[in-house]
C-alpha atoms as a PDB file:
ATOM      1  CA  LEU A   1      24.628 -16.038  16.053  1.00  0.00           C
ATOM      2  CA  VAL A   2      21.306 -16.150  14.654  1.00  0.00           C
ATOM      3  CA  SER A   3      20.537 -16.513  11.060  1.00  0.00           C
ATOM      4  CA  PRO A   4      17.934 -14.810   9.358  1.00  0.00           C
ATOM      5  CA  ASP A   5      15.806 -18.004   8.843  1.00  0.00           C
ATOM      6  CA  GLN A   6      16.468 -18.781  12.826  1.00  0.00           C
ATOM      7  CA  TYR A   7      15.379 -15.148  13.501  1.00  0.00           C
ATOM      8  CA  HIS A   8      12.354 -15.418  11.744  1.00  0.00           C
ATOM      9  CA  ILE A   9      10.963 -18.647  13.470  1.00  0.00           C
ATOM     10  CA  LEU A  10      12.057 -17.441  17.163  1.00  0.00           C
ATOM     11  CA  LYS A  11      10.107 -13.669  16.142  1.00  0.00           C
ATOM     12  CA  CYS A  12       7.216 -15.844  14.668  1.00  0.00           C
ATOM     13  CA  VAL A  13       6.890 -18.197  17.679  1.00  0.00           C
ATOM     14  CA  HIS A  14       7.472 -15.058  19.883  1.00  0.00           C
ATOM     15  CA  ASP A  15       4.229 -13.191  18.406  1.00  0.00           C
ATOM     16  CA  LEU A  16       2.067 -16.165  18.059  1.00  0.00           C
ATOM     17  CA  ARG A  17       2.692 -16.664  22.151  1.00  0.00           C
ATOM     18  CA  GLN A  18       1.876 -13.110  22.778  1.00  0.00           C
ATOM     19  CA  LEU A  19      -1.389 -13.922  20.433  1.00  0.00           C
ATOM     20  CA  GLY A  20      -2.441 -16.941  22.918  1.00  0.00           C
ATOM     21  CA  TYR A  21      -0.818 -19.600  20.696  1.00  0.00           C
ATOM     22  CA  LYS A  22       1.222 -22.133  22.710  1.00  0.00           C
ATOM     23  CA  MET A  23       4.378 -22.676  20.559  1.00  0.00           C
ATOM     24  CA  ASN A  24       8.082 -23.772  20.288  1.00  0.00           C
ATOM     25  CA  LYS A  25      10.322 -23.546  17.593  1.00  0.00           C
ATOM     26  CA  GLU A  26       9.922 -27.248  16.737  1.00  0.00           C
ATOM     27  CA  LYS A  27       5.948 -26.988  16.944  1.00  0.00           C
ATOM     28  CA  PHE A  28       6.236 -24.087  14.307  1.00  0.00           C
ATOM     29  CA  LYS A  29       8.600 -25.661  12.369  1.00  0.00           C
ATOM     30  CA  SER A  30       6.276 -28.643  11.828  1.00  0.00           C
ATOM     31  CA  ILE A  31       2.983 -27.345  11.569  1.00  0.00           C
ATOM     32  CA  GLU A  32       1.092 -26.524   8.432  1.00  0.00           C
ATOM     33  CA  LYS A  33       1.558 -22.649   7.724  1.00  0.00           C
ATOM     34  CA  LEU A  34      -1.740 -22.199   5.672  1.00  0.00           C
ATOM     35  CA  ALA A  35      -3.679 -23.809   8.057  1.00  0.00           C
ATOM     36  CA  LEU A  36      -1.736 -21.770  10.868  1.00  0.00           C
ATOM     37  CA  LEU A  37      -2.683 -18.770   8.858  1.00  0.00           C
ATOM     38  CA  LYS A  38      -6.376 -19.506   8.349  1.00  0.00           C
ATOM     39  CA  ASP A  39      -6.686 -20.062  12.115  1.00  0.00           C
ATOM     40  CA  ILE A  40      -5.091 -16.614  12.676  1.00  0.00           C
ATOM     41  CA  TRP A  41      -7.178 -14.964  10.191  1.00  0.00           C
ATOM     42  CA  LYS A  42      -9.895 -16.248  11.751  1.00  0.00           C
ATOM     43  CA  LYS A  43      -9.343 -15.051  14.939  1.00  0.00           C
ATOM     44  CA  PHE A  44      -7.524 -12.391  14.607  1.00  0.00           C
ATOM     45  CA  ALA A  45      -8.421 -10.488  11.427  1.00  0.00           C
ATOM     46  CA  ASP A  46      -9.110  -7.102  13.208  1.00  0.00           C
ATOM     47  CA  ASP A  47      -6.263  -7.137  15.319  1.00  0.00           C
ATOM     48  CA  ARG A  48      -3.371  -5.174  14.044  1.00  0.00           C
ATOM     49  CA  LYS A  49      -0.585  -7.511  15.363  1.00  0.00           C
ATOM     50  CA  GLY A  50      -2.684 -10.638  14.168  1.00  0.00           C
ATOM     51  CA  LEU A  51      -2.437  -9.214  10.404  1.00  0.00           C
ATOM     52  CA  GLU A  52       1.258  -8.512  11.515  1.00  0.00           C
ATOM     53  CA  LEU A  53       1.942 -11.625  11.831  1.00  0.00           C
ATOM     54  CA  ILE A  54      -0.062 -12.961   8.840  1.00  0.00           C
ATOM     55  CA  MET A  55       2.076 -10.752   6.780  1.00  0.00           C
ATOM     56  CA  TYR A  56       5.353 -11.890   8.581  1.00  0.00           C
ATOM     57  CA  ILE A  57       4.579 -15.237   8.132  1.00  0.00           C
ATOM     58  CA  CYS A  58       3.329 -15.288   4.547  1.00  0.00           C
ATOM     59  CA  LEU A  59       6.944 -13.216   3.346  1.00  0.00           C
ATOM     60  CA  GLY A  60       9.703 -15.560   5.324  1.00  0.00           C
ATOM     61  CA  PHE A  61       7.730 -18.668   3.838  1.00  0.00           C
ATOM     62  CA  GLU A  62       7.303 -17.059   0.283  1.00  0.00           C
ATOM     63  CA  ILE A  63       3.388 -17.552   0.527  1.00  0.00           C
ATOM     64  CA  TYR A  64       2.040 -15.685  -2.238  1.00  0.00           C
ATOM     65  CA  GLU A  65      -1.692 -16.622  -2.667  1.00  0.00           C
ATOM     66  CA  PRO A  66      -3.753 -14.289  -4.291  1.00  0.00           C
ATOM     67  CA  GLN A  67      -6.873 -14.773  -2.157  1.00  0.00           C
ATOM     68  CA  ILE A  68      -4.589 -14.770   1.174  1.00  0.00           C
ATOM     69  CA  TRP A  69      -3.319 -11.483   0.177  1.00  0.00           C
ATOM     70  CA  ASN A  70      -5.995  -9.778  -1.109  1.00  0.00           C
ATOM     71  CA  GLY A  71      -7.865 -10.189   1.996  1.00  0.00           C
ATOM     72  CA  VAL A  72      -4.705  -9.329   4.136  1.00  0.00           C
ATOM     73  CA  LEU A  73      -4.307  -5.964   1.994  1.00  0.00           C
ATOM     74  CA  LYS A  74      -8.273  -5.384   2.308  1.00  0.00           C
ATOM     75  CA  GLN A  75      -7.993  -5.420   5.953  1.00  0.00           C
ATOM     76  CA  MET A  76      -4.807  -3.247   6.517  1.00  0.00           C
ATOM     77  CA  ILE A  77      -6.455  -0.736   4.109  1.00  0.00           C
ATOM     78  CA  ALA A  78      -9.522  -0.860   6.593  1.00  0.00           C
ATOM     79  CA  MET A  79      -7.367  -0.385   9.316  1.00  0.00           C
ATOM     80  CA  SER A  80      -5.412   2.503   7.910  1.00  0.00           C
ATOM     81  CA  MET A  81      -1.897   0.165   8.425  1.00  0.00           C
ATOM     82  CA  THR A  82      -0.450   2.422   6.282  1.00  0.00           C
ATOM     83  CA  GLN A  83       3.317   2.108   7.205  1.00  0.00           C
ATOM     84  CA  GLN A  84       3.170  -1.457   6.952  1.00  0.00           C
ATOM     85  CA  LEU A  85       1.639  -1.167   3.426  1.00  0.00           C
ATOM     86  CA  SER A  86       4.045   1.347   2.215  1.00  0.00           C
ATOM     87  CA  SER A  87       6.766  -1.086   2.123  1.00  0.00           C
ATOM     88  CA  LEU A  88       4.754  -4.315   0.950  1.00  0.00           C
ATOM     89  CA  VAL A  89       3.336  -2.655  -1.851  1.00  0.00           C
ATOM     90  CA  LEU A  90       6.682  -2.782  -3.132  1.00  0.00           C
ATOM     91  CA  VAL A  91       7.799  -6.570  -2.669  1.00  0.00           C
ATOM     92  CA  LEU A  92       4.297  -7.217  -3.567  1.00  0.00           C
ATOM     93  CA  SER A  93       4.346  -5.583  -6.619  1.00  0.00           C
ATOM     94  CA  THR A  94       7.441  -7.995  -7.844  1.00  0.00           C
ATOM     95  CA  ARG A  95       5.697 -10.941  -7.716  1.00  0.00           C
ATOM     96  CA  ARG A  96       3.367 -11.441 -10.937  1.00  0.00           C
ATOM     97  CA  GLU A  97       0.710 -13.669  -9.607  1.00  0.00           C
ATOM     98  CA  LEU A  98      -0.574 -10.610  -7.397  1.00  0.00           C
ATOM     99  CA  LEU A  99      -0.567  -7.826  -9.773  1.00  0.00           C
ATOM    100  CA  HIS A 100      -4.081  -8.648 -10.790  1.00  0.00           C
ATOM    101  CA  ILE A 101      -5.396  -8.463  -7.258  1.00  0.00           C
ATOM    102  CA  PRO A 102      -7.680  -6.079  -6.664  1.00  0.00           C
ATOM    103  CA  ALA A 103      -6.744  -5.319  -3.057  1.00  0.00           C
ATOM    104  CA  LEU A 104      -3.070  -4.229  -4.237  1.00  0.00           C
ATOM    105  CA  VAL A 105      -4.167  -1.432  -6.874  1.00  0.00           C
ATOM    106  CA  SER A 106      -6.434  -0.176  -3.712  1.00  0.00           C
ATOM    107  CA  ALA A 107      -3.235  -0.686  -1.363  1.00  0.00           C
ATOM    108  CA  TRP A 108      -1.441   1.509  -4.114  1.00  0.00           C
ATOM    109  CA  THR A 109      -3.620   4.417  -4.083  1.00  0.00           C
ATOM    110  CA  GLU A 110      -3.883   4.372  -0.259  1.00  0.00           C
ATOM    111  CA  VAL A 111       0.034   4.638   0.008  1.00  0.00           C
ATOM    112  CA  ILE A 112      -0.124   7.474  -2.597  1.00  0.00           C
ATOM    113  CA  LYS A 113      -2.940   9.520  -1.057  1.00  0.00           C
ATOM    114  CA  THR A 114      -1.916   9.100   2.539  1.00  0.00           C
ATOM    115  CA  PRO A 115       0.805  12.050   2.049  1.00  0.00           C
ATOM    116  CA  PHE A 116      -1.903  14.417   0.534  1.00  0.00           C
ATOM    117  CA  LYS A 117      -4.489  13.731   3.296  1.00  0.00           C
ATOM    118  CA  HIS A 118      -2.121  15.274   5.386  1.00  0.00           C
ATOM    119  CA  CYS A 119      -1.327  18.090   3.851  1.00  0.00           C
ATOM    120  CA  THR A 120      -2.579  21.652   4.147  1.00  0.00           C
ATOM    121  CA  LYS A 121      -2.778  24.846   1.883  1.00  0.00           C
ATOM    122  CA  ALA A 122      -0.293  26.527   3.889  1.00  0.00           C
ATOM    123  CA  ARG A 123       2.867  24.820   2.271  1.00  0.00           C
ATOM    124  CA  SER A 124       5.470  23.854   4.216  1.00  0.00           C
ATOM    125  CA  PHE A 125       9.185  22.271   3.099  1.00  0.00           C
ATOM    126  CA  GLU A 126       8.429  18.948   5.017  1.00  0.00           C
ATOM    127  CA  GLN A 127       5.123  18.681   3.308  1.00  0.00           C
ATOM    128  CA  GLU A 128       6.538  19.320  -0.177  1.00  0.00           C
ATOM    129  CA  VAL A 129       9.432  17.063   0.183  1.00  0.00           C
ATOM    130  CA  GLN A 130       6.827  14.268   1.063  1.00  0.00           C
ATOM    131  CA  LEU A 131       4.916  14.811  -2.106  1.00  0.00           C
ATOM    132  CA  SER A 132       7.827  14.914  -4.127  1.00  0.00           C
ATOM    133  CA  LYS A 133       8.788  11.480  -2.551  1.00  0.00           C
ATOM    134  CA  THR A 134       5.119  10.379  -3.254  1.00  0.00           C
ATOM    135  CA  LEU A 135       5.224  11.588  -6.715  1.00  0.00           C
ATOM    136  CA  ILE A 136       8.221   9.274  -6.993  1.00  0.00           C
ATOM    137  CA  LEU A 137       7.108   6.393  -5.715  1.00  0.00           C
ATOM    138  CA  LEU A 138       4.570   6.469  -8.159  1.00  0.00           C
ATOM    139  CA  GLN A 139       6.931   6.083 -10.654  1.00  0.00           C
ATOM    140  CA  SER A 140       7.847   3.274  -9.526  1.00  0.00           C
ATOM    141  CA  CYS A 141       4.202   1.569  -9.150  1.00  0.00           C
ATOM    142  CA  PRO A 142       3.798  -1.515 -11.756  1.00  0.00           C
ATOM    143  CA  LEU A 143      -0.061  -0.821 -11.895  1.00  0.00           C
ATOM    144  CA  SER A 144       0.099   3.195 -12.193  1.00  0.00           C
ATOM    145  CA  ASN A 145      -2.531   2.826 -15.472  1.00  0.00           C
ATOM    146  CA  ARG A 146      -5.273   1.321 -12.720  1.00  0.00           C
ATOM    147  CA  LEU A 147      -5.129   4.208  -9.986  1.00  0.00           C
ATOM    148  CA  ASP A 148      -7.843   6.350  -9.062  1.00  0.00           C
ATOM    149  CA  TYR A 149      -6.684   9.533 -10.317  1.00  0.00           C
ATOM    150  CA  ILE A 150     -10.118  11.516 -10.133  1.00  0.00           C
ATOM    151  CA  ASP A 151      -9.810  11.814  -5.944  1.00  0.00           C
ATOM    152  CA  LEU A 152      -6.054  12.327  -5.877  1.00  0.00           C
ATOM    153  CA  THR A 153      -6.843  15.603  -8.759  1.00  0.00           C
ATOM    154  CA  ASP A 154      -9.867  16.548  -6.333  1.00  0.00           C
ATOM    155  CA  MET A 155      -7.419  16.367  -3.057  1.00  0.00           C
ATOM    156  CA  CYS A 156      -4.868  18.658  -5.088  1.00  0.00           C
ATOM    157  CA  LEU A 157      -7.145  21.386  -6.520  1.00  0.00           C
ATOM    158  CA  ARG A 158      -8.480  21.469  -2.767  1.00  0.00           C
ATOM    159  CA  LEU A 159      -4.949  22.017  -1.302  1.00  0.00           C
ATOM    160  CA  ASN A 160      -4.292  24.692  -4.266  1.00  0.00           C
ATOM    161  CA  ARG A 161      -1.629  22.315  -5.906  1.00  0.00           C
ATOM    162  CA  PRO A 162      -3.195  21.585  -9.387  1.00  0.00           C
ATOM    163  CA  HIS A 163       0.602  21.413 -10.905  1.00  0.00           C
ATOM    164  CA  ILE A 164       0.896  17.878  -8.670  1.00  0.00           C
ATOM    165  CA  ALA A 165      -2.683  17.123 -10.165  1.00  0.00           C
ATOM    166  CA  ALA A 166      -1.742  17.732 -13.767  1.00  0.00           C
ATOM    167  CA  ILE A 167       0.855  15.380 -13.342  1.00  0.00           C
ATOM    168  CA  PHE A 168      -1.579  12.817 -12.923  1.00  0.00           C
ATOM    169  CA  THR A 169      -2.772  13.307 -16.496  1.00  0.00           C
ATOM    170  CA  VAL A 170       0.904  11.109 -17.081  1.00  0.00           C
ATOM    171  CA  TYR A 171      -0.445   7.921 -15.498  1.00  0.00           C
ATOM    172  CA  ALA A 172      -4.487   7.825 -15.733  1.00  0.00           C
ATOM    173  CA  GLU A 173      -6.365   5.849 -18.441  1.00  0.00           C
ATOM    174  CA  THR A 174      -7.999   7.637 -21.236  1.00  0.00           C
ATOM    175  CA  LYS A 175     -11.395   8.526 -19.549  1.00  0.00           C
ATOM    176  CA  GLN A 176      -9.751   9.647 -16.388  1.00  0.00           C
ATOM    177  CA  THR A 177      -7.403  11.856 -17.946  1.00  0.00           C
ATOM    178  CA  ALA A 178     -10.097  13.789 -19.875  1.00  0.00           C
ATOM    179  CA  LYS A 179     -11.992  13.961 -16.651  1.00  0.00           C
ATOM    180  CA  ILE A 180      -8.752  15.689 -14.942  1.00  0.00           C
ATOM    181  CA  ILE A 181      -8.008  17.905 -17.678  1.00  0.00           C
ATOM    182  CA  GLN A 182     -12.185  19.357 -16.927  1.00  0.00           C
ATOM    183  CA  LEU A 183     -11.137  19.805 -13.256  1.00  0.00           C
ATOM    184  CA  LEU A 184      -8.132  21.689 -13.687  1.00  0.00           C
ATOM    185  CA  LYS A 185      -9.782  24.036 -16.354  1.00  0.00           C
ATOM    186  CA  PRO A 186     -10.367  26.210 -13.920  1.00  0.00           C
ATOM    187  CA  TYR A 187      -6.507  26.581 -13.288  1.00  0.00           C
ATOM    188  CA  MET A 188      -5.170  27.107 -15.965  1.00  0.00           C
ATOM    189  CA  ASN A 189      -1.986  29.186 -16.473  1.00  0.00           C
ATOM    190  CA  ASP A 190       0.951  28.564 -18.483  1.00  0.00           C
ATOM    191  CA  SER A 191       2.871  26.473 -16.517  1.00  0.00           C
ATOM    192  CA  VAL A 192      -0.286  23.779 -15.991  1.00  0.00           C
ATOM    193  CA  LYS A 193      -1.163  24.132 -19.729  1.00  0.00           C
ATOM    194  CA  SER A 194       2.862  22.744 -20.401  1.00  0.00           C
ATOM    195  CA  ALA A 195       2.190  19.575 -17.688  1.00  0.00           C
ATOM    196  CA  VAL A 196      -0.740  18.382 -19.261  1.00  0.00           C
ATOM    197  CA  SER A 197       0.155  18.813 -22.873  1.00  0.00           C
END
């Protein structure tokens, strides 16, 4: 049987070879990981496989350098790697040293926004389930008070879902809450009023 540590090393070696590195198990074990990460970033920052490998090495060797993760998350957002970001934000948000990096806030915003981007005005059960899951995910976000809810509110209103936009008033900072309420005024009915009050 292969232990989790051995599997991790074998996977890293395999992925490095795919990117053209002449690597074996022994060499990978002995190589200085930060230098390797720097080299992969320099050559493959615009490549999904390269970013996934950086992510995998960092997580496997518990490398939580804010500068590294800020760059990786920015690049993943730029390349619309939302699936990877969805699981990554949950893991990285448990690390106190990363909670202040701007790209983590942006990554959370991207993960929360994505289901709204793929939604349509014509409601379907699948879409409603996905939006509900997103709102549950938002509850677990330790940076929820730093996200941009104005853009999300605009998206909700375009999708004719003011009741969801009203929920954002709970999480938004005071300035954003006032703006959200202004945006919601034309849609105010009893259910929206009760959500924002």
